[in-house]
């Protein structure tokens, strides 16, 4: 059985898994939302007024007699479970449900063997004891055979190996490696100082490397990301309209050009409130980056990754003229981890 070398970025906003080979790469990206329930609504319908069916439904996953929904539109079928603590990164039913849903969606039904290169926040990896405990917890439940049902299909997954790196290291590898894991940039770029700013949903990571070594002075992290904007918007909506939004529902509204809310009073335009929440969070994020990096002129290359980098693209490129928002920044970390996995596992017999 062929072993798949995969990059896994278990983000708090999105759960991303990528497989890269010499023939190219493929990926799955699911919102990091889990709920207890199923998608069966019996004969409930609006008849001919039913309209179109949603193209993106939750993934139904079950194992050992328990069932969960994961990914898209979970809030349409069940109460979302949205954990934002770092303990969620090592074990728990939510992590298992998302892992099975993502890996199963990528690989398809049947039996598969995989080796995983996981990305963890800088704040976790920089704390030796916390990093070792997190990796130990992951390996204890991940390594070995897993049998589960994904949308009605039986799957068997054998995890051979699990390794971990800082999430923004994946962005560095996405920038420098090809899908076969070969360095494709000039050899001098391996020696150049490179800064990576990873703006996620719940974390903001700064990562600096030079000559193949991590530069601790310019590396750090905090629980500061677009979650702050989602919380601000959610609080305002609840206070003014009495409507409770999950964090991911609020985040989805932040991403809309003309966010609206249906209430008993009619359709409410949330554009001003959304902009206010984003502006406040943008100020916090840019303040954190500036306090650690200044104008970033100490880096020959300055890379931005994560979903927050896409949302803040205009501000980032205006303030950091030599900065580059990586292509598809939402999945860039997972892509780079998958590319590096080709080297790390192939050499070790993975």
C-alpha atoms as a PDB file:
ATOM      1  CA  UNK A   1       0.000   0.000   0.000  1.00  0.00           C
ATOM      2  CA  UNK A   2       1.388   3.395  -0.999  1.00  0.00           C
ATOM      3  CA  UNK A   3       1.891   5.829   1.865  1.00  0.00           C
ATOM      4  CA  UNK A   4       0.552   9.343   1.287  1.00  0.00           C
ATOM      5  CA  UNK A   5       2.747  12.140   2.653  1.00  0.00           C
ATOM      6  CA  UNK A   6       0.377  14.897   3.765  1.00  0.00           C
ATOM      7  CA  UNK A   7       0.646  18.414   5.151  1.00  0.00           C
ATOM      8  CA  UNK A   8      -2.004  19.192   7.777  1.00  0.00           C
ATOM      9  CA  UNK A   9      -2.773  22.667   9.098  1.00  0.00           C
ATOM     10  CA  UNK A  10      -5.369  22.268  11.894  1.00  0.00           C
ATOM     11  CA  UNK A  11      -6.258  25.963  12.045  1.00  0.00           C
ATOM     12  CA  UNK A  12      -8.929  27.368  14.338  1.00  0.00           C
ATOM     13  CA  UNK A  13     -10.660  28.997  11.387  1.00  0.00           C
ATOM     14  CA  UNK A  14     -10.047  26.402   8.691  1.00  0.00           C
ATOM     15  CA  UNK A  15      -8.792  22.824   8.668  1.00  0.00           C
ATOM     16  CA  UNK A  16      -6.492  22.279   5.669  1.00  0.00           C
ATOM     17  CA  UNK A  17      -4.835  19.133   4.312  1.00  0.00           C
ATOM     18  CA  UNK A  18      -2.660  18.933   1.176  1.00  0.00           C
ATOM     19  CA  UNK A  19      -0.905  16.147  -0.689  1.00  0.00           C
ATOM     20  CA  UNK A  20       1.967  17.187  -2.964  1.00  0.00           C
ATOM     21  CA  UNK A  21       3.734  14.886  -5.414  1.00  0.00           C
ATOM     22  CA  UNK A  22       5.845  15.308  -8.505  1.00  0.00           C
ATOM     23  CA  UNK A  23       2.608  15.377 -10.520  1.00  0.00           C
ATOM     24  CA  UNK A  24       1.138  18.329  -8.606  1.00  0.00           C
ATOM     25  CA  UNK A  25      -0.887  18.836  -5.467  1.00  0.00           C
ATOM     26  CA  UNK A  26      -4.459  18.524  -4.248  1.00  0.00           C
ATOM     27  CA  UNK A  27      -6.108  19.934  -1.159  1.00  0.00           C
ATOM     28  CA  UNK A  28      -9.178  19.991   1.075  1.00  0.00           C
ATOM     29  CA  UNK A  29     -10.184  22.997   3.165  1.00  0.00           C
ATOM     30  CA  UNK A  30     -12.987  22.709   5.731  1.00  0.00           C
ATOM     31  CA  UNK A  31     -14.209  25.322   8.224  1.00  0.00           C
ATOM     32  CA  UNK A  32     -13.064  24.246  11.704  1.00  0.00           C
ATOM     33  CA  UNK A  33     -16.613  23.729  12.950  1.00  0.00           C
ATOM     34  CA  UNK A  34     -18.041  20.561  14.500  1.00  0.00           C
ATOM     35  CA  UNK A  35     -21.537  19.719  15.745  1.00  0.00           C
ATOM     36  CA  UNK A  36     -23.443  16.721  17.104  1.00  0.00           C
ATOM     37  CA  UNK A  37     -26.184  15.707  14.676  1.00  0.00           C
ATOM     38  CA  UNK A  38     -26.860  14.562  11.134  1.00  0.00           C
ATOM     39  CA  UNK A  39     -28.064  15.997   7.832  1.00  0.00           C
ATOM     40  CA  UNK A  40     -31.187  13.835   7.533  1.00  0.00           C
ATOM     41  CA  UNK A  41     -34.274  16.094   7.616  1.00  0.00           C
ATOM     42  CA  UNK A  42     -36.700  13.301   6.718  1.00  0.00           C
ATOM     43  CA  UNK A  43     -39.463  14.481   4.413  1.00  0.00           C
ATOM     44  CA  UNK A  44     -39.207  18.112   5.496  1.00  0.00           C
ATOM     45  CA  UNK A  45     -39.292  20.407   2.477  1.00  0.00           C
ATOM     46  CA  UNK A  46     -40.979  23.410   0.905  1.00  0.00           C
ATOM     47  CA  UNK A  47     -42.118  21.425  -2.082  1.00  0.00           C
ATOM     48  CA  UNK A  48     -41.790  23.360  -5.309  1.00  0.00           C
ATOM     49  CA  UNK A  49     -40.622  26.416  -3.318  1.00  0.00           C
ATOM     50  CA  UNK A  50     -37.596  24.539  -2.079  1.00  0.00           C
ATOM     51  CA  UNK A  51     -35.108  26.297  -4.346  1.00  0.00           C
ATOM     52  CA  UNK A  52     -31.647  24.855  -4.951  1.00  0.00           C
ATOM     53  CA  UNK A  53     -29.881  22.475  -2.615  1.00  0.00           C
ATOM     54  CA  UNK A  54     -26.726  23.702  -0.939  1.00  0.00           C
ATOM     55  CA  UNK A  55     -23.600  22.613  -2.788  1.00  0.00           C
ATOM     56  CA  UNK A  56     -21.602  22.634   0.444  1.00  0.00           C
ATOM     57  CA  UNK A  57     -23.037  20.429   3.174  1.00  0.00           C
ATOM     58  CA  UNK A  58     -21.389  19.239   6.378  1.00  0.00           C
ATOM     59  CA  UNK A  59     -19.389  16.047   6.300  1.00  0.00           C
ATOM     60  CA  UNK A  60     -20.989  13.308   8.414  1.00  0.00           C
ATOM     61  CA  UNK A  61     -18.356  11.272  10.236  1.00  0.00           C
ATOM     62  CA  UNK A  62     -18.824   8.492  12.797  1.00  0.00           C
ATOM     63  CA  UNK A  63     -16.601   6.071  14.702  1.00  0.00           C
ATOM     64  CA  UNK A  64     -17.007   3.828  17.745  1.00  0.00           C
ATOM     65  CA  UNK A  65     -20.723   4.567  17.895  1.00  0.00           C
ATOM     66  CA  UNK A  66     -20.438   8.372  17.953  1.00  0.00           C
ATOM     67  CA  UNK A  67     -21.438  10.708  15.105  1.00  0.00           C
ATOM     68  CA  UNK A  68     -20.495  14.283  14.257  1.00  0.00           C
ATOM     69  CA  UNK A  69     -20.934  16.837  11.517  1.00  0.00           C
ATOM     70  CA  UNK A  70     -17.878  18.789  10.409  1.00  0.00           C
ATOM     71  CA  UNK A  71     -17.045  21.616   8.040  1.00  0.00           C
ATOM     72  CA  UNK A  72     -19.508  23.622   5.963  1.00  0.00           C
ATOM     73  CA  UNK A  73     -22.903  24.807   7.210  1.00  0.00           C
ATOM     74  CA  UNK A  74     -22.805  22.842  10.464  1.00  0.00           C
ATOM     75  CA  UNK A  75     -24.890  25.597  12.090  1.00  0.00           C
ATOM     76  CA  UNK A  76     -27.773  24.727   9.702  1.00  0.00           C
ATOM     77  CA  UNK A  77     -28.047  21.265  11.270  1.00  0.00           C
ATOM     78  CA  UNK A  78     -26.531  21.381  14.766  1.00  0.00           C
ATOM     79  CA  UNK A  79     -25.191  23.672  17.456  1.00  0.00           C
ATOM     80  CA  UNK A  80     -21.562  24.454  16.522  1.00  0.00           C
ATOM     81  CA  UNK A  81     -18.758  23.471  18.863  1.00  0.00           C
ATOM     82  CA  UNK A  82     -15.984  26.050  18.485  1.00  0.00           C
ATOM     83  CA  UNK A  83     -13.021  25.434  20.781  1.00  0.00           C
ATOM     84  CA  UNK A  84     -10.280  28.067  20.699  1.00  0.00           C
ATOM     85  CA  UNK A  85      -7.909  26.697  23.356  1.00  0.00           C
ATOM     86  CA  UNK A  86      -4.547  25.142  22.533  1.00  0.00           C
ATOM     87  CA  UNK A  87      -5.534  21.830  24.191  1.00  0.00           C
ATOM     88  CA  UNK A  88      -7.844  21.329  21.207  1.00  0.00           C
ATOM     89  CA  UNK A  89      -4.704  20.871  19.071  1.00  0.00           C
ATOM     90  CA  UNK A  90      -3.688  17.578  20.709  1.00  0.00           C
ATOM     91  CA  UNK A  91      -6.866  15.527  21.161  1.00  0.00           C
ATOM     92  CA  UNK A  92     -10.619  15.584  21.604  1.00  0.00           C
ATOM     93  CA  UNK A  93     -13.660  14.553  19.555  1.00  0.00           C
ATOM     94  CA  UNK A  94     -13.722  17.820  17.611  1.00  0.00           C
ATOM     95  CA  UNK A  95     -10.125  17.351  16.441  1.00  0.00           C
ATOM     96  CA  UNK A  96     -10.788  13.733  15.516  1.00  0.00           C
ATOM     97  CA  UNK A  97     -13.946  14.598  13.603  1.00  0.00           C
ATOM     98  CA  UNK A  98     -12.184  17.311  11.589  1.00  0.00           C
ATOM     99  CA  UNK A  99      -9.123  15.116  10.973  1.00  0.00           C
ATOM    100  CA  UNK A 100     -11.219  12.206   9.715  1.00  0.00           C
ATOM    101  CA  UNK A 101     -13.414  14.537   7.643  1.00  0.00           C
ATOM    102  CA  UNK A 102     -10.453  16.289   5.998  1.00  0.00           C
ATOM    103  CA  UNK A 103      -8.308  13.203   5.363  1.00  0.00           C
ATOM    104  CA  UNK A 104     -11.282  11.154   4.214  1.00  0.00           C
ATOM    105  CA  UNK A 105     -12.483  13.885   1.855  1.00  0.00           C
ATOM    106  CA  UNK A 106      -9.006  14.125   0.303  1.00  0.00           C
ATOM    107  CA  UNK A 107      -8.256  10.413  -0.045  1.00  0.00           C
ATOM    108  CA  UNK A 108     -11.721   8.964  -0.705  1.00  0.00           C
ATOM    109  CA  UNK A 109     -13.253   5.638   0.414  1.00  0.00           C
ATOM    110  CA  UNK A 110     -11.110   2.564   0.968  1.00  0.00           C
ATOM    111  CA  UNK A 111      -7.891   1.762   2.804  1.00  0.00           C
ATOM    112  CA  UNK A 112      -5.032   4.259   2.978  1.00  0.00           C
ATOM    113  CA  UNK A 113      -1.678   4.704   4.726  1.00  0.00           C
ATOM    114  CA  UNK A 114      -0.459   8.213   5.558  1.00  0.00           C
ATOM    115  CA  UNK A 115       2.385  10.079   7.216  1.00  0.00           C
ATOM    116  CA  UNK A 116       1.459  13.514   8.549  1.00  0.00           C
ATOM    117  CA  UNK A 117       3.466  16.726   8.773  1.00  0.00           C
ATOM    118  CA  UNK A 118       1.420  18.947  11.082  1.00  0.00           C
ATOM    119  CA  UNK A 119       1.639  22.697  11.555  1.00  0.00           C
ATOM    120  CA  UNK A 120       1.253  24.121  15.063  1.00  0.00           C
ATOM    121  CA  UNK A 121       1.200  27.769  16.223  1.00  0.00           C
ATOM    122  CA  UNK A 122       4.539  29.426  16.982  1.00  0.00           C
ATOM    123  CA  UNK A 123       3.357  30.088  20.538  1.00  0.00           C
ATOM    124  CA  UNK A 124       3.003  26.318  21.041  1.00  0.00           C
ATOM    125  CA  UNK A 125       6.219  25.275  19.290  1.00  0.00           C
ATOM    126  CA  UNK A 126       8.316  27.917  21.077  1.00  0.00           C
ATOM    127  CA  UNK A 127       7.421  26.413  24.473  1.00  0.00           C
ATOM    128  CA  UNK A 128       9.404  23.165  24.584  1.00  0.00           C
ATOM    129  CA  UNK A 129       7.263  21.456  27.249  1.00  0.00           C
ATOM    130  CA  UNK A 130       3.984  22.468  25.635  1.00  0.00           C
ATOM    131  CA  UNK A 131       5.197  21.431  22.182  1.00  0.00           C
ATOM    132  CA  UNK A 132       6.362  18.013  23.408  1.00  0.00           C
ATOM    133  CA  UNK A 133       3.109  17.445  25.308  1.00  0.00           C
ATOM    134  CA  UNK A 134       1.032  18.449  22.274  1.00  0.00           C
ATOM    135  CA  UNK A 135       3.009  16.208  19.930  1.00  0.00           C
ATOM    136  CA  UNK A 136       2.830  13.335  22.430  1.00  0.00           C
ATOM    137  CA  UNK A 137      -0.950  13.709  22.650  1.00  0.00           C
ATOM    138  CA  UNK A 138      -1.262  13.756  18.868  1.00  0.00           C
ATOM    139  CA  UNK A 139       0.887  10.688  18.344  1.00  0.00           C
ATOM    140  CA  UNK A 140      -0.901   8.683  21.051  1.00  0.00           C
ATOM    141  CA  UNK A 141      -4.220   8.749  19.223  1.00  0.00           C
ATOM    142  CA  UNK A 142      -3.139   9.331  15.627  1.00  0.00           C
ATOM    143  CA  UNK A 143      -0.486   6.668  15.042  1.00  0.00           C
ATOM    144  CA  UNK A 144      -2.086   3.362  14.187  1.00  0.00           C
ATOM    145  CA  UNK A 145      -5.233   2.212  12.404  1.00  0.00           C
ATOM    146  CA  UNK A 146      -8.460   4.227  12.255  1.00  0.00           C
ATOM    147  CA  UNK A 147     -11.793   2.903  11.019  1.00  0.00           C
ATOM    148  CA  UNK A 148     -14.658   5.320  10.495  1.00  0.00           C
ATOM    149  CA  UNK A 149     -17.659   6.102   8.299  1.00  0.00           C
ATOM    150  CA  UNK A 150     -17.565   9.234   6.143  1.00  0.00           C
ATOM    151  CA  UNK A 151     -20.842  10.232   4.476  1.00  0.00           C
ATOM    152  CA  UNK A 152     -21.910   6.599   4.478  1.00  0.00           C
ATOM    153  CA  UNK A 153     -18.622   5.195   3.119  1.00  0.00           C
ATOM    154  CA  UNK A 154     -16.364   2.956   5.206  1.00  0.00           C
ATOM    155  CA  UNK A 155     -12.749   4.061   5.522  1.00  0.00           C
ATOM    156  CA  UNK A 156      -9.623   2.531   6.978  1.00  0.00           C
ATOM    157  CA  UNK A 157      -6.698   4.849   7.640  1.00  0.00           C
ATOM    158  CA  UNK A 158      -3.317   3.798   8.979  1.00  0.00           C
ATOM    159  CA  UNK A 159      -1.141   6.636  10.238  1.00  0.00           C
ATOM    160  CA  UNK A 160       2.517   5.589  10.081  1.00  0.00           C
ATOM    161  CA  UNK A 161       4.230   8.729  11.378  1.00  0.00           C
ATOM    162  CA  UNK A 162       3.442  12.191  12.767  1.00  0.00           C
ATOM    163  CA  UNK A 163       5.858  15.124  12.822  1.00  0.00           C
ATOM    164  CA  UNK A 164       5.238  18.774  13.654  1.00  0.00           C
ATOM    165  CA  UNK A 165       6.624  22.168  12.654  1.00  0.00           C
ATOM    166  CA  UNK A 166       5.579  25.764  13.198  1.00  0.00           C
ATOM    167  CA  UNK A 167       2.716  26.643  10.857  1.00  0.00           C
ATOM    168  CA  UNK A 168       4.524  29.569   9.144  1.00  0.00           C
ATOM    169  CA  UNK A 169       7.444  27.255   8.346  1.00  0.00           C
ATOM    170  CA  UNK A 170       4.991  25.767   5.879  1.00  0.00           C
ATOM    171  CA  UNK A 171       4.686  29.147   4.165  1.00  0.00           C
ATOM    172  CA  UNK A 172       8.482  29.307   3.829  1.00  0.00           C
ATOM    173  CA  UNK A 173       8.484  25.883   2.157  1.00  0.00           C
ATOM    174  CA  UNK A 174       5.532  26.803  -0.078  1.00  0.00           C
ATOM    175  CA  UNK A 175       7.636  29.753  -1.243  1.00  0.00           C
ATOM    176  CA  UNK A 176      10.874  27.818  -1.753  1.00  0.00           C
ATOM    177  CA  UNK A 177      10.024  24.193  -2.625  1.00  0.00           C
ATOM    178  CA  UNK A 178       8.222  22.632  -5.557  1.00  0.00           C
ATOM    179  CA  UNK A 179       5.642  19.843  -5.251  1.00  0.00           C
ATOM    180  CA  UNK A 180       8.378  17.196  -5.333  1.00  0.00           C
ATOM    181  CA  UNK A 181      10.107  18.810  -2.345  1.00  0.00           C
ATOM    182  CA  UNK A 182      13.034  20.311  -4.294  1.00  0.00           C
ATOM    183  CA  UNK A 183      14.401  23.790  -3.575  1.00  0.00           C
ATOM    184  CA  UNK A 184      13.619  25.844  -6.682  1.00  0.00           C
ATOM    185  CA  UNK A 185      14.772  29.311  -5.705  1.00  0.00           C
ATOM    186  CA  UNK A 186      18.352  30.592  -6.040  1.00  0.00           C
ATOM    187  CA  UNK A 187      20.709  28.943  -3.560  1.00  0.00           C
ATOM    188  CA  UNK A 188      21.452  32.400  -2.112  1.00  0.00           C
ATOM    189  CA  UNK A 189      17.833  32.657  -0.894  1.00  0.00           C
ATOM    190  CA  UNK A 190      18.530  29.866   1.604  1.00  0.00           C
ATOM    191  CA  UNK A 191      21.010  32.195   3.304  1.00  0.00           C
ATOM    192  CA  UNK A 192      18.908  35.360   3.026  1.00  0.00           C
ATOM    193  CA  UNK A 193      16.892  36.699   5.988  1.00  0.00           C
ATOM    194  CA  UNK A 194      13.218  35.847   5.448  1.00  0.00           C
ATOM    195  CA  UNK A 195      10.288  36.938   7.601  1.00  0.00           C
ATOM    196  CA  UNK A 196       6.928  35.146   7.557  1.00  0.00           C
ATOM    197  CA  UNK A 197       3.819  36.749   9.045  1.00  0.00           C
ATOM    198  CA  UNK A 198       0.961  34.271   9.464  1.00  0.00           C
ATOM    199  CA  UNK A 199      -2.379  35.935  10.278  1.00  0.00           C
ATOM    200  CA  UNK A 200      -4.916  33.272  11.152  1.00  0.00           C
ATOM    201  CA  UNK A 201      -8.323  33.181  12.779  1.00  0.00           C
ATOM    202  CA  UNK A 202      -7.132  32.725  16.350  1.00  0.00           C
ATOM    203  CA  UNK A 203      -3.375  33.225  16.099  1.00  0.00           C
ATOM    204  CA  UNK A 204      -0.847  35.711  14.757  1.00  0.00           C
ATOM    205  CA  UNK A 205       2.578  34.178  14.169  1.00  0.00           C
ATOM    206  CA  UNK A 206       5.844  35.886  13.251  1.00  0.00           C
ATOM    207  CA  UNK A 207       8.597  33.581  12.006  1.00  0.00           C
ATOM    208  CA  UNK A 208      12.084  34.562  10.861  1.00  0.00           C
ATOM    209  CA  UNK A 209      14.811  32.431   9.300  1.00  0.00           C
ATOM    210  CA  UNK A 210      18.306  33.122   7.979  1.00  0.00           C
ATOM    211  CA  UNK A 211      20.878  30.657   6.724  1.00  0.00           C
ATOM    212  CA  UNK A 212      18.646  27.713   7.574  1.00  0.00           C
ATOM    213  CA  UNK A 213      18.240  28.787  11.215  1.00  0.00           C
ATOM    214  CA  UNK A 214      15.311  30.298  13.094  1.00  0.00           C
ATOM    215  CA  UNK A 215      16.020  33.873  14.231  1.00  0.00           C
ATOM    216  CA  UNK A 216      14.502  33.943  17.717  1.00  0.00           C
ATOM    217  CA  UNK A 217      14.689  37.739  18.029  1.00  0.00           C
ATOM    218  CA  UNK A 218      12.084  38.209  15.299  1.00  0.00           C
ATOM    219  CA  UNK A 219       9.978  35.111  16.029  1.00  0.00           C
ATOM    220  CA  UNK A 220       6.912  35.095  18.270  1.00  0.00           C
ATOM    221  CA  UNK A 221       3.177  34.655  18.424  1.00  0.00           C
ATOM    222  CA  UNK A 222      -0.043  35.666  20.132  1.00  0.00           C
ATOM    223  CA  UNK A 223      -3.706  34.696  20.189  1.00  0.00           C
ATOM    224  CA  UNK A 224      -4.561  37.628  17.957  1.00  0.00           C
ATOM    225  CA  UNK A 225      -6.310  37.117  14.658  1.00  0.00           C
ATOM    226  CA  UNK A 226      -9.573  37.683  12.812  1.00  0.00           C
ATOM    227  CA  UNK A 227     -11.406  36.032  15.692  1.00  0.00           C
ATOM    228  CA  UNK A 228     -11.245  39.427  17.432  1.00  0.00           C
ATOM    229  CA  UNK A 229     -13.222  41.024  14.600  1.00  0.00           C
ATOM    230  CA  UNK A 230     -15.745  38.171  14.638  1.00  0.00           C
ATOM    231  CA  UNK A 231     -16.213  38.613  18.394  1.00  0.00           C
ATOM    232  CA  UNK A 232     -16.714  42.358  18.022  1.00  0.00           C
ATOM    233  CA  UNK A 233     -19.280  41.911  15.256  1.00  0.00           C
ATOM    234  CA  UNK A 234     -21.065  39.122  17.126  1.00  0.00           C
ATOM    235  CA  UNK A 235     -21.295  41.201  20.307  1.00  0.00           C
ATOM    236  CA  UNK A 236     -22.706  44.195  18.421  1.00  0.00           C
ATOM    237  CA  UNK A 237     -25.302  42.071  16.605  1.00  0.00           C
ATOM    238  CA  UNK A 238     -26.427  40.409  19.822  1.00  0.00           C
ATOM    239  CA  UNK A 239     -26.620  43.710  21.694  1.00  0.00           C
ATOM    240  CA  UNK A 240     -28.540  45.573  19.006  1.00  0.00           C
ATOM    241  CA  UNK A 241     -30.651  42.798  17.455  1.00  0.00           C
ATOM    242  CA  UNK A 242     -30.759  39.962  19.977  1.00  0.00           C
ATOM    243  CA  UNK A 243     -29.343  37.504  17.448  1.00  0.00           C
ATOM    244  CA  UNK A 244     -26.613  35.095  18.564  1.00  0.00           C
ATOM    245  CA  UNK A 245     -24.005  34.308  15.900  1.00  0.00           C
ATOM    246  CA  UNK A 246     -21.347  31.634  16.107  1.00  0.00           C
ATOM    247  CA  UNK A 247     -17.789  32.854  15.582  1.00  0.00           C
ATOM    248  CA  UNK A 248     -17.682  31.316  12.121  1.00  0.00           C
ATOM    249  CA  UNK A 249     -21.042  32.819  11.159  1.00  0.00           C
ATOM    250  CA  UNK A 250     -19.748  36.231  12.210  1.00  0.00           C
ATOM    251  CA  UNK A 251     -16.507  35.600  10.311  1.00  0.00           C
ATOM    252  CA  UNK A 252     -18.492  34.723   7.177  1.00  0.00           C
ATOM    253  CA  UNK A 253     -20.344  38.030   7.423  1.00  0.00           C
ATOM    254  CA  UNK A 254     -17.020  39.871   7.722  1.00  0.00           C
ATOM    255  CA  UNK A 255     -15.992  38.366   4.395  1.00  0.00           C
ATOM    256  CA  UNK A 256     -19.071  39.589   2.530  1.00  0.00           C
ATOM    257  CA  UNK A 257     -18.996  42.837   0.568  1.00  0.00           C
ATOM    258  CA  UNK A 258     -22.501  43.759   1.707  1.00  0.00           C
ATOM    259  CA  UNK A 259     -23.227  41.834   4.914  1.00  0.00           C
ATOM    260  CA  UNK A 260     -26.902  41.754   5.866  1.00  0.00           C
ATOM    261  CA  UNK A 261     -28.921  40.321   8.742  1.00  0.00           C
ATOM    262  CA  UNK A 262     -32.576  39.279   8.586  1.00  0.00           C
ATOM    263  CA  UNK A 263     -34.427  40.284  11.777  1.00  0.00           C
ATOM    264  CA  UNK A 264     -38.078  40.834  12.817  1.00  0.00           C
ATOM    265  CA  UNK A 265     -37.470  44.508  12.054  1.00  0.00           C
ATOM    266  CA  UNK A 266     -36.435  43.726   8.487  1.00  0.00           C
ATOM    267  CA  UNK A 267     -33.140  43.433   6.652  1.00  0.00           C
ATOM    268  CA  UNK A 268     -30.330  45.194   8.512  1.00  0.00           C
ATOM    269  CA  UNK A 269     -27.223  46.428   6.716  1.00  0.00           C
ATOM    270  CA  UNK A 270     -24.166  45.376   8.749  1.00  0.00           C
ATOM    271  CA  UNK A 271     -21.577  46.976   6.494  1.00  0.00           C
ATOM    272  CA  UNK A 272     -20.678  49.821   8.877  1.00  0.00           C
ATOM    273  CA  UNK A 273     -20.486  47.534  11.916  1.00  0.00           C
ATOM    274  CA  UNK A 274     -18.417  45.005   9.964  1.00  0.00           C
ATOM    275  CA  UNK A 275     -15.947  47.660   8.812  1.00  0.00           C
ATOM    276  CA  UNK A 276     -15.644  48.970  12.359  1.00  0.00           C
ATOM    277  CA  UNK A 277     -14.826  45.494  13.710  1.00  0.00           C
ATOM    278  CA  UNK A 278     -12.268  44.860  10.955  1.00  0.00           C
ATOM    279  CA  UNK A 279     -10.641  48.266  11.389  1.00  0.00           C
ATOM    280  CA  UNK A 280     -10.219  47.768  15.133  1.00  0.00           C
ATOM    281  CA  UNK A 281      -8.723  44.306  14.674  1.00  0.00           C
ATOM    282  CA  UNK A 282      -6.488  45.468  11.822  1.00  0.00           C
ATOM    283  CA  UNK A 283      -5.048  48.125  14.100  1.00  0.00           C
ATOM    284  CA  UNK A 284      -4.221  45.533  16.770  1.00  0.00           C
ATOM    285  CA  UNK A 285      -2.632  43.150  14.272  1.00  0.00           C
ATOM    286  CA  UNK A 286      -0.517  45.780  12.532  1.00  0.00           C
ATOM    287  CA  UNK A 287       0.511  47.188  15.909  1.00  0.00           C
ATOM    288  CA  UNK A 288       1.770  43.753  16.988  1.00  0.00           C
ATOM    289  CA  UNK A 289       3.726  43.261  13.749  1.00  0.00           C
ATOM    290  CA  UNK A 290       5.244  46.761  13.891  1.00  0.00           C
ATOM    291  CA  UNK A 291       6.295  46.355  17.540  1.00  0.00           C
ATOM    292  CA  UNK A 292       8.260  43.186  16.679  1.00  0.00           C
ATOM    293  CA  UNK A 293       9.471  43.938  13.157  1.00  0.00           C
ATOM    294  CA  UNK A 294       9.290  47.676  12.631  1.00  0.00           C
ATOM    295  CA  UNK A 295       9.093  48.243   8.870  1.00  0.00           C
ATOM    296  CA  UNK A 296      10.529  44.793   8.158  1.00  0.00           C
ATOM    297  CA  UNK A 297      13.555  46.200   6.319  1.00  0.00           C
ATOM    298  CA  UNK A 298      15.795  43.659   8.078  1.00  0.00           C
ATOM    299  CA  UNK A 299      14.340  40.971   5.787  1.00  0.00           C
ATOM    300  CA  UNK A 300      15.342  40.441   2.175  1.00  0.00           C
ATOM    301  CA  UNK A 301      11.968  38.738   1.728  1.00  0.00           C
ATOM    302  CA  UNK A 302       8.789  39.366   3.689  1.00  0.00           C
ATOM    303  CA  UNK A 303       6.011  36.802   3.228  1.00  0.00           C
ATOM    304  CA  UNK A 304       2.405  37.032   4.402  1.00  0.00           C
ATOM    305  CA  UNK A 305       0.205  33.974   4.792  1.00  0.00           C
ATOM    306  CA  UNK A 306      -3.038  32.883   6.437  1.00  0.00           C
ATOM    307  CA  UNK A 307      -6.631  33.880   5.785  1.00  0.00           C
ATOM    308  CA  UNK A 308      -6.108  37.146   7.644  1.00  0.00           C
ATOM    309  CA  UNK A 309      -3.426  38.155   5.148  1.00  0.00           C
ATOM    310  CA  UNK A 310      -5.968  37.952   2.356  1.00  0.00           C
ATOM    311  CA  UNK A 311      -8.447  40.060   4.334  1.00  0.00           C
ATOM    312  CA  UNK A 312      -5.759  42.641   5.204  1.00  0.00           C
ATOM    313  CA  UNK A 313      -3.998  42.548   1.819  1.00  0.00           C
ATOM    314  CA  UNK A 314      -4.463  46.290   0.992  1.00  0.00           C
ATOM    315  CA  UNK A 315      -3.093  47.422   4.363  1.00  0.00           C
ATOM    316  CA  UNK A 316      -0.190  44.958   4.356  1.00  0.00           C
ATOM    317  CA  UNK A 317       1.013  45.759   0.852  1.00  0.00           C
ATOM    318  CA  UNK A 318       0.719  49.491   1.523  1.00  0.00           C
ATOM    319  CA  UNK A 319       2.734  49.399   4.755  1.00  0.00           C
ATOM    320  CA  UNK A 320       5.274  46.769   3.649  1.00  0.00           C
ATOM    321  CA  UNK A 321       6.209  47.657   0.083  1.00  0.00           C
ATOM    322  CA  UNK A 322       8.507  44.658  -0.371  1.00  0.00           C
ATOM    323  CA  UNK A 323       6.020  42.271   1.246  1.00  0.00           C
ATOM    324  CA  UNK A 324       4.416  39.407  -0.680  1.00  0.00           C
ATOM    325  CA  UNK A 325       1.045  37.868   0.108  1.00  0.00           C
ATOM    326  CA  UNK A 326       1.537  34.257  -0.953  1.00  0.00           C
ATOM    327  CA  UNK A 327      -0.758  32.728  -3.582  1.00  0.00           C
ATOM    328  CA  UNK A 328      -3.792  31.160  -1.896  1.00  0.00           C
ATOM    329  CA  UNK A 329      -2.590  32.270   1.550  1.00  0.00           C
ATOM    330  CA  UNK A 330      -5.346  30.273   3.293  1.00  0.00           C
ATOM    331  CA  UNK A 331      -3.769  26.933   2.297  1.00  0.00           C
ATOM    332  CA  UNK A 332      -0.143  28.043   1.816  1.00  0.00           C
ATOM    333  CA  UNK A 333       1.014  26.626   5.162  1.00  0.00           C
ATOM    334  CA  UNK A 334      -0.486  23.204   4.468  1.00  0.00           C
ATOM    335  CA  UNK A 335       0.956  23.208   0.940  1.00  0.00           C
ATOM    336  CA  UNK A 336       4.452  23.946   2.198  1.00  0.00           C
ATOM    337  CA  UNK A 337       4.177  21.307   4.923  1.00  0.00           C
ATOM    338  CA  UNK A 338       3.129  18.781   2.269  1.00  0.00           C
ATOM    339  CA  UNK A 339       6.078  19.741   0.076  1.00  0.00           C
ATOM    340  CA  UNK A 340       8.482  19.403   2.988  1.00  0.00           C
ATOM    341  CA  UNK A 341       6.893  16.065   3.926  1.00  0.00           C
ATOM    342  CA  UNK A 342       8.196  14.698   0.633  1.00  0.00           C
ATOM    343  CA  UNK A 343      11.731  15.286   1.911  1.00  0.00           C
ATOM    344  CA  UNK A 344      11.240  14.475   5.595  1.00  0.00           C
ATOM    345  CA  UNK A 345       9.356  11.180   5.231  1.00  0.00           C
ATOM    346  CA  UNK A 346      10.955   9.923   2.031  1.00  0.00           C
ATOM    347  CA  UNK A 347      14.408  10.168   3.598  1.00  0.00           C
ATOM    348  CA  UNK A 348      13.318   8.495   6.841  1.00  0.00           C
ATOM    349  CA  UNK A 349      11.310   5.786   5.109  1.00  0.00           C
ATOM    350  CA  UNK A 350       8.166   7.612   6.349  1.00  0.00           C
END
